N, C-alpha and C. Protein backbone atom coordinates (compact mmCIF):
# COMPACT_ATOMS: atom_id res chain seq x y z
N MET A 1 0.83 -1.19 0.00
CA MET A 1 0.00 0.00 0.00
C MET A 1 0.87 1.26 0.00
N VAL A 2 1.93 1.27 0.83
CA VAL A 2 2.82 2.43 0.89
C VAL A 2 3.48 2.65 -0.47
N ASP A 3 3.90 1.57 -1.15
CA ASP A 3 4.52 1.71 -2.47
C ASP A 3 3.54 2.32 -3.47
N MET A 4 2.27 1.94 -3.38
CA MET A 4 1.27 2.48 -4.29
C MET A 4 1.09 3.99 -4.05
N VAL A 5 1.11 4.42 -2.79
CA VAL A 5 0.98 5.84 -2.49
C VAL A 5 2.19 6.59 -3.04
N LYS A 6 3.40 6.05 -2.82
CA LYS A 6 4.61 6.69 -3.35
C LYS A 6 4.55 6.79 -4.86
N GLU A 7 4.07 5.74 -5.53
CA GLU A 7 3.98 5.76 -6.99
C GLU A 7 3.00 6.83 -7.44
N MET A 8 1.86 6.93 -6.75
CA MET A 8 0.87 7.95 -7.13
C MET A 8 1.46 9.35 -6.91
N GLU A 9 2.17 9.54 -5.79
CA GLU A 9 2.80 10.83 -5.55
C GLU A 9 3.85 11.12 -6.62
N GLY A 10 4.61 10.09 -6.99
CA GLY A 10 5.62 10.25 -8.03
C GLY A 10 5.01 10.65 -9.34
N ASP A 11 3.89 10.03 -9.70
CA ASP A 11 3.21 10.39 -10.94
C ASP A 11 2.73 11.84 -10.90
N ALA A 12 2.22 12.27 -9.76
CA ALA A 12 1.75 13.64 -9.63
C ALA A 12 2.90 14.63 -9.78
N PHE A 13 4.04 14.32 -9.18
CA PHE A 13 5.18 15.22 -9.30
C PHE A 13 5.82 15.15 -10.68
N GLU A 14 5.70 14.03 -11.34
CA GLU A 14 6.17 13.97 -12.73
C GLU A 14 5.30 14.86 -13.61
N GLU A 15 4.00 14.81 -13.41
CA GLU A 15 3.08 15.69 -14.15
C GLU A 15 3.37 17.15 -13.83
N PHE A 16 3.61 17.44 -12.56
CA PHE A 16 3.95 18.80 -12.13
C PHE A 16 5.24 19.26 -12.81
N SER A 17 6.25 18.40 -12.83
CA SER A 17 7.52 18.72 -13.46
C SER A 17 7.34 19.00 -14.95
N THR A 18 6.58 18.17 -15.62
CA THR A 18 6.31 18.37 -17.05
C THR A 18 5.60 19.70 -17.28
N SER A 19 4.65 20.01 -16.43
CA SER A 19 3.92 21.28 -16.57
C SER A 19 4.84 22.48 -16.35
N LEU A 20 5.75 22.37 -15.38
CA LEU A 20 6.70 23.47 -15.15
C LEU A 20 7.60 23.69 -16.36
N PHE A 21 8.12 22.59 -16.92
CA PHE A 21 8.96 22.72 -18.11
C PHE A 21 8.18 23.32 -19.27
N ARG A 22 6.95 22.91 -19.41
CA ARG A 22 6.12 23.45 -20.49
C ARG A 22 5.89 24.95 -20.29
N LEU A 23 5.62 25.35 -19.05
CA LEU A 23 5.41 26.77 -18.76
C LEU A 23 6.67 27.57 -19.07
N THR A 24 7.82 27.10 -18.60
CA THR A 24 9.05 27.86 -18.84
C THR A 24 9.38 27.93 -20.33
N ARG A 25 9.15 26.85 -21.06
CA ARG A 25 9.36 26.89 -22.53
C ARG A 25 8.43 27.89 -23.17
N SER A 26 7.17 27.89 -22.74
CA SER A 26 6.19 28.83 -23.30
C SER A 26 6.60 30.27 -23.03
N LEU A 27 7.04 30.54 -21.83
CA LEU A 27 7.46 31.90 -21.48
C LEU A 27 8.69 32.32 -22.27
N ARG A 28 9.65 31.40 -22.41
CA ARG A 28 10.85 31.72 -23.20
C ARG A 28 10.51 31.97 -24.66
N SER A 29 9.63 31.15 -25.20
CA SER A 29 9.32 31.28 -26.63
C SER A 29 8.52 32.53 -26.94
N THR A 30 7.91 33.13 -25.93
CA THR A 30 7.14 34.36 -26.16
C THR A 30 7.84 35.59 -25.59
N SER A 31 9.09 35.43 -25.15
CA SER A 31 9.79 36.56 -24.52
C SER A 31 9.98 37.72 -25.48
N HIS A 32 9.97 37.45 -26.77
CA HIS A 32 10.11 38.54 -27.75
C HIS A 32 8.93 39.52 -27.68
N LEU A 33 7.82 39.09 -27.10
CA LEU A 33 6.67 39.98 -26.99
C LEU A 33 6.94 41.16 -26.06
N TRP A 34 7.91 41.00 -25.14
CA TRP A 34 8.26 42.11 -24.27
C TRP A 34 8.68 43.32 -25.09
N VAL A 35 9.39 43.07 -26.16
CA VAL A 35 9.90 44.16 -27.00
C VAL A 35 8.75 44.95 -27.60
N GLN A 36 7.61 44.30 -27.80
CA GLN A 36 6.48 44.95 -28.43
C GLN A 36 5.68 45.82 -27.46
N LEU A 37 5.93 45.70 -26.18
CA LEU A 37 5.22 46.50 -25.20
C LEU A 37 5.83 47.90 -25.13
N PRO A 38 5.06 48.89 -24.67
CA PRO A 38 5.57 50.26 -24.65
C PRO A 38 6.75 50.43 -23.70
N GLY A 39 7.55 51.42 -23.97
CA GLY A 39 8.64 51.76 -23.06
C GLY A 39 10.01 51.42 -23.60
N GLY A 40 10.09 50.52 -24.58
CA GLY A 40 11.38 50.16 -25.17
C GLY A 40 12.37 49.61 -24.16
N LEU A 41 11.89 48.89 -23.17
CA LEU A 41 12.75 48.33 -22.14
C LEU A 41 13.05 46.87 -22.42
N LYS A 42 14.27 46.45 -22.06
CA LYS A 42 14.63 45.03 -22.15
C LYS A 42 14.15 44.34 -20.87
N ARG A 43 14.10 43.01 -20.92
CA ARG A 43 13.65 42.26 -19.75
C ARG A 43 14.51 42.55 -18.52
N THR A 44 15.82 42.68 -18.72
CA THR A 44 16.68 42.97 -17.57
C THR A 44 16.40 44.36 -17.00
N ASP A 45 16.07 45.32 -17.89
CA ASP A 45 15.67 46.65 -17.41
C ASP A 45 14.42 46.54 -16.55
N ILE A 46 13.46 45.79 -17.05
CA ILE A 46 12.19 45.63 -16.36
C ILE A 46 12.40 44.99 -14.99
N ALA A 47 13.24 43.96 -14.94
CA ALA A 47 13.50 43.27 -13.68
C ALA A 47 14.13 44.23 -12.67
N THR A 48 15.09 45.01 -13.11
CA THR A 48 15.76 45.96 -12.21
C THR A 48 14.80 47.03 -11.72
N LEU A 49 14.05 47.60 -12.63
CA LEU A 49 13.08 48.64 -12.25
C LEU A 49 12.01 48.09 -11.32
N THR A 50 11.62 46.84 -11.54
CA THR A 50 10.60 46.21 -10.70
C THR A 50 11.10 46.04 -9.27
N VAL A 51 12.35 45.62 -9.11
CA VAL A 51 12.90 45.51 -7.75
C VAL A 51 12.82 46.86 -7.05
N LEU A 52 13.20 47.91 -7.76
CA LEU A 52 13.16 49.26 -7.16
C LEU A 52 11.73 49.70 -6.86
N ALA A 53 10.80 49.39 -7.76
CA ALA A 53 9.40 49.76 -7.52
C ALA A 53 8.83 49.01 -6.32
N ASP A 54 9.21 47.76 -6.17
CA ASP A 54 8.68 46.93 -5.09
C ASP A 54 9.34 47.21 -3.74
N HIS A 55 10.60 47.65 -3.74
CA HIS A 55 11.34 47.75 -2.49
C HIS A 55 11.84 49.16 -2.17
N GLY A 56 11.62 50.12 -3.04
CA GLY A 56 12.10 51.47 -2.77
C GLY A 56 13.60 51.57 -2.97
N ASP A 57 14.21 52.54 -2.29
CA ASP A 57 15.65 52.74 -2.42
C ASP A 57 16.40 51.47 -2.05
N CYS A 58 17.32 51.06 -2.91
CA CYS A 58 18.06 49.82 -2.70
C CYS A 58 19.53 50.02 -3.00
N ARG A 59 20.34 49.24 -2.33
CA ARG A 59 21.75 49.14 -2.69
C ARG A 59 21.87 48.18 -3.86
N PRO A 60 22.88 48.35 -4.70
CA PRO A 60 23.06 47.44 -5.84
C PRO A 60 23.14 45.97 -5.44
N GLY A 61 23.78 45.68 -4.31
CA GLY A 61 23.88 44.28 -3.86
C GLY A 61 22.53 43.66 -3.58
N PHE A 62 21.62 44.44 -3.03
CA PHE A 62 20.27 43.95 -2.77
C PHE A 62 19.57 43.63 -4.09
N ILE A 63 19.73 44.51 -5.07
CA ILE A 63 19.12 44.28 -6.39
C ILE A 63 19.68 42.99 -6.99
N ALA A 64 20.99 42.81 -6.91
CA ALA A 64 21.63 41.60 -7.44
C ALA A 64 21.08 40.36 -6.76
N ASP A 65 20.94 40.41 -5.44
CA ASP A 65 20.38 39.27 -4.70
C ASP A 65 18.96 38.96 -5.16
N ARG A 66 18.15 39.97 -5.32
CA ARG A 66 16.76 39.77 -5.73
C ARG A 66 16.66 39.20 -7.14
N MET A 67 17.59 39.59 -8.00
CA MET A 67 17.55 39.14 -9.39
C MET A 67 18.35 37.84 -9.61
N HIS A 68 19.05 37.40 -8.56
CA HIS A 68 19.87 36.19 -8.64
C HIS A 68 20.95 36.32 -9.70
N VAL A 69 21.62 37.46 -9.69
CA VAL A 69 22.73 37.71 -10.62
C VAL A 69 23.89 38.31 -9.84
N GLY A 70 25.03 38.41 -10.49
CA GLY A 70 26.20 38.99 -9.87
C GLY A 70 26.15 40.50 -9.81
N ALA A 71 26.98 41.05 -8.93
CA ALA A 71 27.03 42.51 -8.76
C ALA A 71 27.45 43.21 -10.04
N SER A 72 28.35 42.61 -10.82
CA SER A 72 28.81 43.26 -12.06
C SER A 72 27.68 43.39 -13.07
N VAL A 73 26.78 42.41 -13.10
CA VAL A 73 25.62 42.47 -14.00
C VAL A 73 24.75 43.66 -13.63
N VAL A 74 24.48 43.80 -12.34
CA VAL A 74 23.63 44.90 -11.88
C VAL A 74 24.33 46.24 -12.10
N SER A 75 25.62 46.29 -11.89
CA SER A 75 26.36 47.53 -12.09
C SER A 75 26.22 48.03 -13.53
N ARG A 76 26.40 47.14 -14.50
CA ARG A 76 26.23 47.51 -15.91
C ARG A 76 24.79 47.92 -16.19
N GLN A 77 23.86 47.19 -15.63
CA GLN A 77 22.44 47.49 -15.83
C GLN A 77 22.10 48.88 -15.29
N LEU A 78 22.58 49.17 -14.10
CA LEU A 78 22.29 50.46 -13.47
C LEU A 78 22.93 51.62 -14.24
N ALA A 79 24.11 51.39 -14.79
CA ALA A 79 24.77 52.45 -15.57
C ALA A 79 23.90 52.84 -16.76
N GLY A 80 23.38 51.84 -17.48
CA GLY A 80 22.52 52.12 -18.63
C GLY A 80 21.21 52.78 -18.23
N LEU A 81 20.62 52.31 -17.15
CA LEU A 81 19.36 52.89 -16.68
C LEU A 81 19.55 54.33 -16.20
N ALA A 82 20.69 54.60 -15.56
CA ALA A 82 20.98 55.97 -15.12
C ALA A 82 21.19 56.88 -16.33
N ASP A 83 21.92 56.38 -17.33
CA ASP A 83 22.14 57.16 -18.56
C ASP A 83 20.82 57.50 -19.24
N ASP A 84 19.86 56.59 -19.15
CA ASP A 84 18.54 56.81 -19.76
C ASP A 84 17.60 57.62 -18.87
N GLY A 85 18.07 57.98 -17.67
CA GLY A 85 17.26 58.78 -16.76
C GLY A 85 16.16 58.00 -16.05
N LEU A 86 16.31 56.68 -15.97
CA LEU A 86 15.27 55.85 -15.37
C LEU A 86 15.52 55.56 -13.89
N VAL A 87 16.76 55.70 -13.44
CA VAL A 87 17.09 55.52 -12.03
C VAL A 87 17.94 56.69 -11.56
N ILE A 88 17.93 56.89 -10.26
CA ILE A 88 18.74 57.93 -9.62
C ILE A 88 19.73 57.23 -8.70
N ARG A 89 21.01 57.57 -8.85
CA ARG A 89 22.07 57.00 -8.02
C ARG A 89 22.55 58.10 -7.07
N ARG A 90 22.71 57.72 -5.79
CA ARG A 90 23.23 58.69 -4.82
C ARG A 90 23.93 57.94 -3.69
N LYS A 91 24.71 58.67 -2.93
CA LYS A 91 25.41 58.08 -1.79
C LYS A 91 24.40 57.70 -0.72
N ASP A 92 24.65 56.58 -0.06
CA ASP A 92 23.82 56.15 1.06
C ASP A 92 24.17 57.01 2.27
N PRO A 93 23.20 57.76 2.82
CA PRO A 93 23.51 58.62 3.97
C PRO A 93 23.99 57.83 5.19
N ALA A 94 23.60 56.57 5.28
CA ALA A 94 24.01 55.74 6.41
C ALA A 94 25.45 55.23 6.24
N ASP A 95 25.95 55.20 5.01
CA ASP A 95 27.29 54.71 4.72
C ASP A 95 27.76 55.37 3.43
N GLY A 96 28.55 56.41 3.55
CA GLY A 96 28.99 57.20 2.40
C GLY A 96 29.74 56.41 1.35
N ARG A 97 30.23 55.21 1.71
CA ARG A 97 30.93 54.38 0.72
C ARG A 97 29.94 53.62 -0.16
N ALA A 98 28.72 53.48 0.31
CA ALA A 98 27.70 52.70 -0.41
C ALA A 98 26.82 53.63 -1.25
N GLU A 99 26.11 53.02 -2.17
CA GLU A 99 25.25 53.75 -3.08
C GLU A 99 23.81 53.29 -2.90
N LEU A 100 22.87 54.22 -3.00
CA LEU A 100 21.45 53.89 -3.02
C LEU A 100 20.90 54.21 -4.40
N ILE A 101 20.05 53.33 -4.87
CA ILE A 101 19.43 53.48 -6.18
C ILE A 101 17.93 53.64 -5.98
N SER A 102 17.32 54.55 -6.71
CA SER A 102 15.87 54.70 -6.67
C SER A 102 15.34 54.92 -8.08
N LEU A 103 14.07 54.67 -8.24
CA LEU A 103 13.41 54.93 -9.52
C LEU A 103 13.28 56.44 -9.71
N SER A 104 13.56 56.90 -10.91
CA SER A 104 13.28 58.30 -11.23
C SER A 104 11.80 58.39 -11.59
N PRO A 105 11.24 59.57 -11.62
CA PRO A 105 9.84 59.70 -12.07
C PRO A 105 9.64 59.10 -13.47
N GLU A 106 10.62 59.30 -14.36
CA GLU A 106 10.53 58.72 -15.72
C GLU A 106 10.56 57.19 -15.66
N GLY A 107 11.43 56.64 -14.83
CA GLY A 107 11.49 55.18 -14.68
C GLY A 107 10.20 54.61 -14.14
N GLU A 108 9.63 55.30 -13.17
CA GLU A 108 8.36 54.87 -12.59
C GLU A 108 7.25 54.92 -13.64
N ALA A 109 7.21 55.99 -14.42
CA ALA A 109 6.17 56.14 -15.46
C ALA A 109 6.32 55.07 -16.54
N ARG A 110 7.54 54.79 -16.97
CA ARG A 110 7.74 53.78 -18.02
C ARG A 110 7.39 52.40 -17.52
N LEU A 111 7.76 52.09 -16.28
CA LEU A 111 7.43 50.78 -15.72
C LEU A 111 5.92 50.65 -15.56
N GLN A 112 5.25 51.68 -15.10
CA GLN A 112 3.80 51.63 -14.94
C GLN A 112 3.11 51.45 -16.28
N ALA A 113 3.58 52.13 -17.31
CA ALA A 113 3.00 51.97 -18.65
C ALA A 113 3.16 50.53 -19.14
N LEU A 114 4.32 49.96 -18.87
CA LEU A 114 4.57 48.57 -19.26
C LEU A 114 3.66 47.63 -18.51
N ARG A 115 3.53 47.81 -17.20
CA ARG A 115 2.66 46.95 -16.39
C ARG A 115 1.21 47.04 -16.87
N THR A 116 0.76 48.25 -17.16
CA THR A 116 -0.62 48.45 -17.63
C THR A 116 -0.83 47.71 -18.95
N ALA A 117 0.12 47.85 -19.87
CA ALA A 117 0.01 47.18 -21.17
C ALA A 117 0.06 45.66 -21.01
N TYR A 118 0.93 45.18 -20.12
CA TYR A 118 1.07 43.74 -19.94
C TYR A 118 -0.20 43.14 -19.34
N VAL A 119 -0.78 43.82 -18.35
CA VAL A 119 -2.03 43.34 -17.75
C VAL A 119 -3.14 43.33 -18.80
N ALA A 120 -3.20 44.35 -19.63
CA ALA A 120 -4.22 44.39 -20.69
C ALA A 120 -4.02 43.24 -21.66
N THR A 121 -2.77 42.93 -21.99
CA THR A 121 -2.48 41.81 -22.88
C THR A 121 -2.93 40.49 -22.25
N LEU A 122 -2.64 40.32 -20.97
CA LEU A 122 -3.08 39.10 -20.28
C LEU A 122 -4.60 38.99 -20.29
N ARG A 123 -5.29 40.09 -20.01
CA ARG A 123 -6.76 40.06 -20.04
C ARG A 123 -7.27 39.66 -21.42
N ASP A 124 -6.64 40.17 -22.47
CA ASP A 124 -7.04 39.84 -23.83
C ASP A 124 -6.88 38.36 -24.14
N HIS A 125 -5.85 37.74 -23.55
CA HIS A 125 -5.56 36.33 -23.86
C HIS A 125 -6.20 35.35 -22.88
N PHE A 126 -6.71 35.83 -21.77
CA PHE A 126 -7.33 34.97 -20.77
C PHE A 126 -8.79 35.37 -20.57
N THR A 127 -9.49 35.56 -21.65
CA THR A 127 -10.89 36.02 -21.58
C THR A 127 -11.80 35.00 -20.92
N ASP A 128 -11.41 33.73 -20.90
CA ASP A 128 -12.24 32.71 -20.27
C ASP A 128 -11.96 32.57 -18.77
N TRP A 129 -11.08 33.39 -18.22
CA TRP A 129 -10.78 33.36 -16.79
C TRP A 129 -11.51 34.49 -16.10
N ASP A 130 -12.05 34.19 -14.91
CA ASP A 130 -12.63 35.26 -14.10
C ASP A 130 -11.58 35.69 -13.06
N ALA A 131 -11.91 36.69 -12.27
CA ALA A 131 -10.97 37.23 -11.29
C ALA A 131 -10.56 36.18 -10.27
N ALA A 132 -11.49 35.34 -9.86
CA ALA A 132 -11.17 34.31 -8.86
C ALA A 132 -10.13 33.33 -9.40
N ARG A 133 -10.28 32.93 -10.64
CA ARG A 133 -9.31 31.99 -11.23
C ARG A 133 -7.95 32.66 -11.38
N ALA A 134 -7.93 33.91 -11.78
CA ALA A 134 -6.67 34.64 -11.91
C ALA A 134 -5.97 34.75 -10.55
N ARG A 135 -6.73 35.05 -9.50
CA ARG A 135 -6.14 35.15 -8.15
C ARG A 135 -5.61 33.79 -7.69
N GLU A 136 -6.37 32.74 -7.97
CA GLU A 136 -5.94 31.39 -7.59
C GLU A 136 -4.65 31.02 -8.31
N ALA A 137 -4.58 31.31 -9.61
CA ALA A 137 -3.37 31.02 -10.38
C ALA A 137 -2.19 31.85 -9.86
N ALA A 138 -2.45 33.11 -9.54
CA ALA A 138 -1.38 33.98 -9.03
C ALA A 138 -0.83 33.44 -7.71
N ALA A 139 -1.72 33.00 -6.83
CA ALA A 139 -1.28 32.46 -5.54
C ALA A 139 -0.46 31.19 -5.74
N LEU A 140 -0.90 30.33 -6.63
CA LEU A 140 -0.18 29.09 -6.89
C LEU A 140 1.18 29.37 -7.53
N LEU A 141 1.23 30.27 -8.50
CA LEU A 141 2.51 30.61 -9.13
C LEU A 141 3.46 31.25 -8.13
N HIS A 142 2.93 32.09 -7.26
CA HIS A 142 3.77 32.70 -6.22
C HIS A 142 4.36 31.62 -5.32
N ASP A 143 3.54 30.67 -4.93
CA ASP A 143 3.99 29.58 -4.07
C ASP A 143 5.07 28.75 -4.77
N ILE A 144 4.86 28.47 -6.04
CA ILE A 144 5.85 27.70 -6.81
C ILE A 144 7.16 28.48 -6.88
N ALA A 145 7.08 29.77 -7.20
CA ALA A 145 8.29 30.59 -7.28
C ALA A 145 9.01 30.63 -5.94
N ASP A 146 8.26 30.74 -4.86
CA ASP A 146 8.84 30.75 -3.52
C ASP A 146 9.60 29.45 -3.26
N HIS A 147 9.00 28.33 -3.62
CA HIS A 147 9.66 27.04 -3.42
C HIS A 147 10.93 26.93 -4.27
N VAL A 148 10.87 27.37 -5.50
CA VAL A 148 12.04 27.29 -6.38
C VAL A 148 13.18 28.15 -5.84
N VAL A 149 12.87 29.38 -5.45
CA VAL A 149 13.90 30.29 -4.92
C VAL A 149 14.51 29.71 -3.66
N ARG A 150 13.69 29.20 -2.78
CA ARG A 150 14.21 28.64 -1.53
C ARG A 150 15.02 27.37 -1.79
N ALA A 151 14.60 26.58 -2.76
CA ALA A 151 15.37 25.38 -3.10
C ALA A 151 16.75 25.77 -3.63
N LEU A 152 16.80 26.79 -4.47
CA LEU A 152 18.08 27.25 -5.00
C LEU A 152 18.97 27.82 -3.90
N ALA A 153 18.35 28.42 -2.90
CA ALA A 153 19.11 28.99 -1.79
C ALA A 153 19.45 27.93 -0.74
N GLY A 154 18.88 26.74 -0.87
CA GLY A 154 19.15 25.67 0.07
C GLY A 154 18.42 25.81 1.38
N THR A 155 17.29 26.52 1.37
CA THR A 155 16.50 26.69 2.59
C THR A 155 15.17 25.99 2.45
N ALA A 156 14.59 25.64 3.58
CA ALA A 156 13.30 24.97 3.57
C ALA A 156 12.20 25.96 3.23
N PRO A 157 11.16 25.51 2.54
CA PRO A 157 10.04 26.41 2.24
C PRO A 157 9.28 26.76 3.50
N HIS A 158 8.70 27.96 3.50
CA HIS A 158 7.82 28.35 4.60
C HIS A 158 6.55 27.54 4.50
N HIS A 159 5.89 27.37 5.64
CA HIS A 159 4.59 26.70 5.64
C HIS A 159 3.58 27.64 5.01
N HIS A 160 2.94 27.19 3.97
CA HIS A 160 1.91 28.00 3.31
C HIS A 160 0.56 27.37 3.55
N THR A 161 -0.42 28.21 3.71
CA THR A 161 -1.77 27.73 3.89
C THR A 161 -2.54 27.99 2.61
N HIS A 162 -3.74 27.50 2.55
CA HIS A 162 -4.59 27.72 1.39
C HIS A 162 -4.76 29.22 1.18
N PRO A 163 -4.76 29.70 -0.08
CA PRO A 163 -4.85 31.13 -0.35
C PRO A 163 -6.04 31.82 0.31
N ASN A 164 -7.11 31.10 0.56
CA ASN A 164 -8.30 31.71 1.16
C ASN A 164 -8.27 31.67 2.68
N SER A 165 -7.22 31.08 3.25
CA SER A 165 -7.10 30.98 4.69
C SER A 165 -6.78 32.34 5.29
N THR A 166 -7.13 32.52 6.56
CA THR A 166 -6.81 33.77 7.24
C THR A 166 -5.45 33.69 7.92
N ASP A 167 -4.83 32.51 7.91
CA ASP A 167 -3.51 32.34 8.49
C ASP A 167 -2.50 33.12 7.65
N THR A 168 -1.57 33.82 8.31
CA THR A 168 -0.57 34.58 7.57
C THR A 168 0.76 33.84 7.63
N HIS A 169 1.63 34.18 6.69
CA HIS A 169 2.95 33.58 6.65
C HIS A 169 3.93 34.59 6.09
N ASP A 170 5.19 34.31 6.28
CA ASP A 170 6.23 35.17 5.73
C ASP A 170 6.16 35.11 4.22
N ASN A 171 6.06 36.25 3.60
CA ASN A 171 5.87 36.31 2.16
C ASN A 171 7.07 37.00 1.53
N ASP A 172 8.26 36.47 1.77
CA ASP A 172 9.48 37.14 1.34
C ASP A 172 10.17 36.41 0.20
N SER A 173 9.40 35.91 -0.76
CA SER A 173 10.06 35.29 -1.89
C SER A 173 10.74 36.36 -2.71
N GLN A 174 11.73 35.97 -3.44
CA GLN A 174 12.49 36.93 -4.23
C GLN A 174 11.97 36.92 -5.65
N ASP A 175 10.85 37.55 -5.85
CA ASP A 175 10.20 37.49 -7.14
C ASP A 175 10.43 38.75 -7.95
N ILE A 176 10.40 38.55 -9.23
CA ILE A 176 10.45 39.64 -10.18
C ILE A 176 9.22 39.51 -11.04
N HIS A 177 8.46 40.54 -11.10
CA HIS A 177 7.22 40.47 -11.87
C HIS A 177 6.97 41.79 -12.54
N VAL A 178 6.06 41.78 -13.45
CA VAL A 178 5.69 43.02 -14.14
C VAL A 178 4.39 43.51 -13.60
């Protein structure tokens, strides 16, 4: 009986694994659509601006941690965004050797325009979904992302409850979203 339960669980996780690979392939194959959205931003620009929008003033190291990239990647990214007037770089008042990065008004406006266009595109393609299904999918995707990030970091996942539960939990996944 125990072997049968393990086999059923294995089949479920195999189906889950296949679905995850299919989702990531689908997202990669449609990544060119980002270029068609307003703002003329690359995906890496969007990811950087999103970290700043979600967390406010940040040090470059924090941005790198959130994006799961090296400091040199973020440094190059920030240089381009600053040249384009999308971020503001200044000395950290708490530590004059460190730098704080924030969204400029132009960066905030371009990111908001992109988010608005992206949400409209999703609505156009998911016309058979209602708000409840979209929220359920969002909660599940967030939970999956949280598990993946924690697995990569070598930490155990937080206990999550059903999305409709009133129980709260630490919601500190390192996500990048539009």
